[in-house]
Amino acid sequence: MRLGSVVLVIWLVIGGIAAGQRGYFNERQESCASLATLGLTIVAGPLNYMGVNPKVKCNTPKPSE
């Protein structure tokens, strides 16, 4: 159990480093797509360095006027 936790933390740290290298933490645009892409990049972890480049597109409904 302890080994699995250590592996998970290392996996997420590597994903955070990949997101930082892509500049996702510097973006001030807080949209559904940018936040989802950031989260997915972190979860993908080391896969980012093997060519995975997750991107998310999402549209939120606009309020009616």
PDB file of N, CA and C in Angstrom:
ATOM      1  N   MET A   1       0.828  -1.195   0.000  1.00  0.00           N
ATOM      2  CA  MET A   1       0.000   0.000   0.000  1.00  0.00           C
ATOM      3  C   MET A   1       0.863   1.246   0.000  1.00  0.00           C
ATOM      4  N   ARG A   2       1.925   1.242   0.788  1.00  0.00           N
ATOM      5  CA  ARG A   2       2.803   2.409   0.872  1.00  0.00           C
ATOM      6  C   ARG A   2       3.520   2.647  -0.456  1.00  0.00           C
ATOM      7  N   LEU A   3       3.957   1.573  -1.125  1.00  0.00           N
ATOM      8  CA  LEU A   3       4.639   1.699  -2.405  1.00  0.00           C
ATOM      9  C   LEU A   3       3.707   2.301  -3.449  1.00  0.00           C
ATOM     10  N   GLY A   4       2.464   1.868  -3.453  1.00  0.00           N
ATOM     11  CA  GLY A   4       1.482   2.415  -4.392  1.00  0.00           C
ATOM     12  C   GLY A   4       1.260   3.895  -4.178  1.00  0.00           C
ATOM     13  N   SER A   5       1.227   4.330  -2.934  1.00  0.00           N
ATOM     14  CA  SER A   5       1.053   5.755  -2.631  1.00  0.00           C
ATOM     15  C   SER A   5       2.244   6.568  -3.108  1.00  0.00           C
ATOM     16  N   VAL A   6       3.443   6.035  -2.908  1.00  0.00           N
ATOM     17  CA  VAL A   6       4.651   6.729  -3.346  1.00  0.00           C
ATOM     18  C   VAL A   6       4.669   6.845  -4.872  1.00  0.00           C
ATOM     19  N   VAL A   7       4.313   5.759  -5.549  1.00  0.00           N
ATOM     20  CA  VAL A   7       4.270   5.770  -7.015  1.00  0.00           C
ATOM     21  C   VAL A   7       3.237   6.786  -7.504  1.00  0.00           C
ATOM     22  N   LEU A   8       2.081   6.848  -6.871  1.00  0.00           N
ATOM     23  CA  LEU A   8       1.041   7.798  -7.263  1.00  0.00           C
ATOM     24  C   LEU A   8       1.514   9.239  -7.087  1.00  0.00           C
ATOM     25  N   VAL A   9       2.153   9.536  -5.985  1.00  0.00           N
ATOM     26  CA  VAL A   9       2.639  10.899  -5.741  1.00  0.00           C
ATOM     27  C   VAL A   9       3.702  11.267  -6.771  1.00  0.00           C
ATOM     28  N   ILE A  10       4.630  10.360  -7.045  1.00  0.00           N
ATOM     29  CA  ILE A  10       5.666  10.629  -8.043  1.00  0.00           C
ATOM     30  C   ILE A  10       5.045  10.838  -9.418  1.00  0.00           C
ATOM     31  N   TRP A  11       4.038  10.017  -9.765  1.00  0.00           N
ATOM     32  CA  TRP A  11       3.325  10.127 -11.039  1.00  0.00           C
ATOM     33  C   TRP A  11       2.704  11.519 -11.174  1.00  0.00           C
ATOM     34  N   LEU A  12       2.020  11.988 -10.130  1.00  0.00           N
ATOM     35  CA  LEU A  12       1.358  13.290 -10.183  1.00  0.00           C
ATOM     36  C   LEU A  12       2.365  14.442 -10.190  1.00  0.00           C
ATOM     37  N   VAL A  13       3.468  14.287  -9.503  1.00  0.00           N
ATOM     38  CA  VAL A  13       4.512  15.320  -9.520  1.00  0.00           C
ATOM     39  C   VAL A  13       5.091  15.456 -10.927  1.00  0.00           C
ATOM     40  N   ILE A  14       5.342  14.337 -11.579  1.00  0.00           N
ATOM     41  CA  ILE A  14       5.849  14.380 -12.956  1.00  0.00           C
ATOM     42  C   ILE A  14       4.832  15.046 -13.874  1.00  0.00           C
ATOM     43  N   GLY A  15       3.562  14.750 -13.677  1.00  0.00           N
ATOM     44  CA  GLY A  15       2.515  15.410 -14.463  1.00  0.00           C
ATOM     45  C   GLY A  15       2.462  16.908 -14.199  1.00  0.00           C
ATOM     46  N   GLY A  16       2.663  17.304 -12.958  1.00  0.00           N
ATOM     47  CA  GLY A  16       2.701  18.728 -12.625  1.00  0.00           C
ATOM     48  C   GLY A  16       3.880  19.426 -13.271  1.00  0.00           C
ATOM     49  N   ILE A  17       5.020  18.746 -13.317  1.00  0.00           N
ATOM     50  CA  ILE A  17       6.195  19.310 -13.979  1.00  0.00           C
ATOM     51  C   ILE A  17       5.928  19.483 -15.472  1.00  0.00           C
ATOM     52  N   ALA A  18       5.298  18.490 -16.088  1.00  0.00           N
ATOM     53  CA  ALA A  18       4.976  18.580 -17.518  1.00  0.00           C
ATOM     54  C   ALA A  18       4.019  19.741 -17.780  1.00  0.00           C
ATOM     55  N   ALA A  19       3.027  19.915 -16.919  1.00  0.00           N
ATOM     56  CA  ALA A  19       2.081  21.030 -17.087  1.00  0.00           C
ATOM     57  C   ALA A  19       2.795  22.365 -16.924  1.00  0.00           C
ATOM     58  N   GLY A  20       3.726  22.441 -15.990  1.00  0.00           N
ATOM     59  CA  GLY A  20       4.488  23.665 -15.804  1.00  0.00           C
ATOM     60  C   GLY A  20       5.369  23.976 -17.002  1.00  0.00           C
ATOM     61  N   GLN A  21       5.979  22.951 -17.596  1.00  0.00           N
ATOM     62  CA  GLN A  21       6.821  23.153 -18.770  1.00  0.00           C
ATOM     63  C   GLN A  21       6.013  23.618 -19.972  1.00  0.00           C
ATOM     64  N   ARG A  22       4.752  23.239 -20.027  1.00  0.00           N
ATOM     65  CA  ARG A  22       3.889  23.678 -21.124  1.00  0.00           C
ATOM     66  C   ARG A  22       3.251  25.036 -20.845  1.00  0.00           C
ATOM     67  N   GLY A  23       3.502  25.593 -19.677  1.00  0.00           N
ATOM     68  CA  GLY A  23       3.009  26.931 -19.362  1.00  0.00           C
ATOM     69  C   GLY A  23       1.567  26.982 -18.902  1.00  0.00           C
ATOM     70  N   TYR A  24       1.004  25.853 -18.506  1.00  0.00           N
ATOM     71  CA  TYR A  24      -0.399  25.835 -18.108  1.00  0.00           C
ATOM     72  C   TYR A  24      -0.649  26.560 -16.791  1.00  0.00           C
ATOM     73  N   PHE A  25       0.360  26.694 -15.948  1.00  0.00           N
ATOM     74  CA  PHE A  25       0.173  27.401 -14.687  1.00  0.00           C
ATOM     75  C   PHE A  25       0.261  28.908 -14.867  1.00  0.00           C
ATOM     76  N   ASN A  26       0.832  29.357 -15.975  1.00  0.00           N
ATOM     77  CA  ASN A  26       0.980  30.786 -16.230  1.00  0.00           C
ATOM     78  C   ASN A  26      -0.251  31.404 -16.858  1.00  0.00           C
ATOM     79  N   GLU A  27      -1.093  30.592 -17.473  1.00  0.00           N
ATOM     80  CA  GLU A  27      -2.283  31.105 -18.147  1.00  0.00           C
ATOM     81  C   GLU A  27      -3.287  31.624 -17.131  1.00  0.00           C
ATOM     82  N   ARG A  28      -3.789  32.800 -17.383  1.00  0.00           N
ATOM     83  CA  ARG A  28      -4.794  33.391 -16.491  1.00  0.00           C
ATOM     84  C   ARG A  28      -6.205  33.179 -17.020  1.00  0.00           C
ATOM     85  N   GLN A  29      -6.318  32.512 -18.147  1.00  0.00           N
ATOM     86  CA  GLN A  29      -7.621  32.249 -18.738  1.00  0.00           C
ATOM     87  C   GLN A  29      -8.263  31.072 -18.014  1.00  0.00           C
ATOM     88  N   GLU A  30      -9.243  31.352 -17.199  1.00  0.00           N
ATOM     89  CA  GLU A  30      -9.888  30.295 -16.415  1.00  0.00           C
ATOM     90  C   GLU A  30     -11.159  29.841 -17.127  1.00  0.00           C
ATOM     91  N   SER A  31     -10.987  28.985 -18.085  1.00  0.00           N
ATOM     92  CA  SER A  31     -12.131  28.442 -18.799  1.00  0.00           C
ATOM     93  C   SER A  31     -12.228  26.946 -18.513  1.00  0.00           C
ATOM     94  N   CYS A  32     -13.317  26.395 -18.897  1.00  0.00           N
ATOM     95  CA  CYS A  32     -13.541  24.962 -18.715  1.00  0.00           C
ATOM     96  C   CYS A  32     -12.445  24.161 -19.406  1.00  0.00           C
ATOM     97  N   ALA A  33     -12.122  24.526 -20.629  1.00  0.00           N
ATOM     98  CA  ALA A  33     -11.145  23.778 -21.410  1.00  0.00           C
ATOM     99  C   ALA A  33      -9.743  23.895 -20.822  1.00  0.00           C
ATOM    100  N   SER A  34      -9.339  25.085 -20.401  1.00  0.00           N
ATOM    101  CA  SER A  34      -7.973  25.242 -19.897  1.00  0.00           C
ATOM    102  C   SER A  34      -7.791  24.536 -18.561  1.00  0.00           C
ATOM    103  N   LEU A  35      -8.773  24.590 -17.693  1.00  0.00           N
ATOM    104  CA  LEU A  35      -8.666  23.896 -16.411  1.00  0.00           C
ATOM    105  C   LEU A  35      -8.715  22.380 -16.588  1.00  0.00           C
ATOM    106  N   ALA A  36      -9.540  21.912 -17.507  1.00  0.00           N
ATOM    107  CA  ALA A  36      -9.629  20.474 -17.761  1.00  0.00           C
ATOM    108  C   ALA A  36      -8.342  19.951 -18.394  1.00  0.00           C
ATOM    109  N   THR A  37      -7.750  20.727 -19.306  1.00  0.00           N
ATOM    110  CA  THR A  37      -6.489  20.331 -19.920  1.00  0.00           C
ATOM    111  C   THR A  37      -5.385  20.273 -18.879  1.00  0.00           C
ATOM    112  N   LEU A  38      -5.349  21.240 -17.974  1.00  0.00           N
ATOM    113  CA  LEU A  38      -4.364  21.241 -16.894  1.00  0.00           C
ATOM    114  C   LEU A  38      -4.501  19.985 -16.040  1.00  0.00           C
ATOM    115  N   GLY A  39      -5.716  19.681 -15.606  1.00  0.00           N
ATOM    116  CA  GLY A  39      -5.946  18.490 -14.780  1.00  0.00           C
ATOM    117  C   GLY A  39      -5.605  17.202 -15.497  1.00  0.00           C
ATOM    118  N   LEU A  40      -5.970  17.114 -16.763  1.00  0.00           N
ATOM    119  CA  LEU A  40      -5.690  15.902 -17.530  1.00  0.00           C
ATOM    120  C   LEU A  40      -4.197  15.728 -17.763  1.00  0.00           C
ATOM    121  N   THR A  41      -3.477  16.822 -17.957  1.00  0.00           N
ATOM    122  CA  THR A  41      -2.026  16.745 -18.129  1.00  0.00           C
ATOM    123  C   THR A  41      -1.361  16.237 -16.862  1.00  0.00           C
ATOM    124  N   ILE A  42      -1.819  16.706 -15.716  1.00  0.00           N
ATOM    125  CA  ILE A  42      -1.255  16.248 -14.445  1.00  0.00           C
ATOM    126  C   ILE A  42      -1.552  14.766 -14.227  1.00  0.00           C
ATOM    127  N   VAL A  43      -2.773  14.350 -14.520  1.00  0.00           N
ATOM    128  CA  VAL A  43      -3.150  12.950 -14.329  1.00  0.00           C
ATOM    129  C   VAL A  43      -2.402  12.038 -15.306  1.00  0.00           C
ATOM    130  N   ALA A  44      -2.110  12.529 -16.507  1.00  0.00           N
ATOM    131  CA  ALA A  44      -1.382  11.714 -17.495  1.00  0.00           C
ATOM    132  C   ALA A  44       0.044  11.432 -17.045  1.00  0.00           C
ATOM    133  N   GLY A  45       0.585  12.294 -16.188  1.00  0.00           N
ATOM    134  CA  GLY A  45       1.900  12.059 -15.590  1.00  0.00           C
ATOM    135  C   GLY A  45       3.002  11.818 -16.599  1.00  0.00           C
ATOM    136  N   PRO A  46       3.781  10.752 -16.423  1.00  0.00           N
ATOM    137  CA  PRO A  46       4.919  10.470 -17.297  1.00  0.00           C
ATOM    138  C   PRO A  46       4.534  10.196 -18.752  1.00  0.00           C
ATOM    139  N   LEU A  47       3.285   9.889 -19.011  1.00  0.00           N
ATOM    140  CA  LEU A  47       2.856   9.655 -20.393  1.00  0.00           C
ATOM    141  C   LEU A  47       3.054  10.901 -21.247  1.00  0.00           C
ATOM    142  N   ASN A  48       3.089  12.088 -20.599  1.00  0.00           N
ATOM    143  CA  ASN A  48       3.325  13.332 -21.325  1.00  0.00           C
ATOM    144  C   ASN A  48       4.667  13.303 -22.048  1.00  0.00           C
ATOM    145  N   TYR A  49       5.653  12.638 -21.450  1.00  0.00           N
ATOM    146  CA  TYR A  49       6.985  12.586 -22.037  1.00  0.00           C
ATOM    147  C   TYR A  49       7.118  11.474 -23.069  1.00  0.00           C
ATOM    148  N   MET A  50       6.051  10.697 -23.261  1.00  0.00           N
ATOM    149  CA  MET A  50       6.049   9.657 -24.285  1.00  0.00           C
ATOM    150  C   MET A  50       5.158  10.054 -25.454  1.00  0.00           C
ATOM    151  N   GLY A  51       4.808  11.331 -25.537  1.00  0.00           N
ATOM    152  CA  GLY A  51       4.063  11.826 -26.689  1.00  0.00           C
ATOM    153  C   GLY A  51       2.602  12.128 -26.440  1.00  0.00           C
ATOM    154  N   VAL A  52       2.084  11.839 -25.260  1.00  0.00           N
ATOM    155  CA  VAL A  52       0.683  12.141 -24.976  1.00  0.00           C
ATOM    156  C   VAL A  52       0.561  13.637 -24.723  1.00  0.00           C
ATOM    157  N   ASN A  53      -0.328  14.292 -25.429  1.00  0.00           N
ATOM    158  CA  ASN A  53      -0.557  15.723 -25.244  1.00  0.00           C
ATOM    159  C   ASN A  53      -2.065  15.938 -25.110  1.00  0.00           C
ATOM    160  N   PRO A  54      -2.603  15.704 -23.916  1.00  0.00           N
ATOM    161  CA  PRO A  54      -4.056  15.774 -23.758  1.00  0.00           C
ATOM    162  C   PRO A  54      -4.573  17.205 -23.888  1.00  0.00           C
ATOM    163  N   LYS A  55      -5.640  17.352 -24.627  1.00  0.00           N
ATOM    164  CA  LYS A  55      -6.336  18.638 -24.774  1.00  0.00           C
ATOM    165  C   LYS A  55      -7.823  18.361 -24.592  1.00  0.00           C
ATOM    166  N   VAL A  56      -8.505  19.291 -23.961  1.00  0.00           N
ATOM    167  CA  VAL A  56      -9.933  19.140 -23.733  1.00  0.00           C
ATOM    168  C   VAL A  56     -10.650  20.335 -24.325  1.00  0.00           C
ATOM    169  N   LYS A  57     -11.728  20.074 -25.040  1.00  0.00           N
ATOM    170  CA  LYS A  57     -12.582  21.140 -25.545  1.00  0.00           C
ATOM    171  C   LYS A  57     -13.936  20.982 -24.879  1.00  0.00           C
ATOM    172  N   CYS A  58     -14.434  22.037 -24.321  1.00  0.00           N
ATOM    173  CA  CYS A  58     -15.763  21.967 -23.735  1.00  0.00           C
ATOM    174  C   CYS A  58     -16.434  23.320 -23.867  1.00  0.00           C
ATOM    175  N   ASN A  59     -17.708  23.293 -24.025  1.00  0.00           N
ATOM    176  CA  ASN A  59     -18.503  24.507 -24.150  1.00  0.00           C
ATOM    177  C   ASN A  59     -19.529  24.529 -23.029  1.00  0.00           C
ATOM    178  N   THR A  60     -19.547  25.618 -22.326  1.00  0.00           N
ATOM    179  CA  THR A  60     -20.543  25.769 -21.270  1.00  0.00           C
ATOM    180  C   THR A  60     -21.707  26.570 -21.826  1.00  0.00           C
ATOM    181  N   PRO A  61     -22.910  26.271 -21.425  1.00  0.00           N
ATOM    182  CA  PRO A  61     -24.057  27.011 -21.947  1.00  0.00           C
ATOM    183  C   PRO A  61     -24.055  28.459 -21.459  1.00  0.00           C
ATOM    184  N   LYS A  62     -24.473  29.343 -22.336  1.00  0.00           N
ATOM    185  CA  LYS A  62     -24.569  30.755 -22.006  1.00  0.00           C
ATOM    186  C   LYS A  62     -25.958  31.024 -21.425  1.00  0.00           C
ATOM    187  N   PRO A  63     -26.042  31.906 -20.440  1.00  0.00           N
ATOM    188  CA  PRO A  63     -27.366  32.233 -19.894  1.00  0.00           C
ATOM    189  C   PRO A  63     -28.205  33.000 -20.922  1.00  0.00           C
ATOM    190  N   SER A  64     -29.479  32.732 -20.925  1.00  0.00           N
ATOM    191  CA  SER A  64     -30.360  33.442 -21.855  1.00  0.00           C
ATOM    192  C   SER A  64     -30.597  34.863 -21.356  1.00  0.00           C
ATOM    193  N   GLU A  65     -30.780  35.740 -22.297  1.00  0.00           N
ATOM    194  CA  GLU A  65     -30.963  37.154 -21.937  1.00  0.00           C
ATOM    195  C   GLU A  65     -32.413  37.538 -21.894  1.00  0.00           C
TER     196      GLU A  65
END
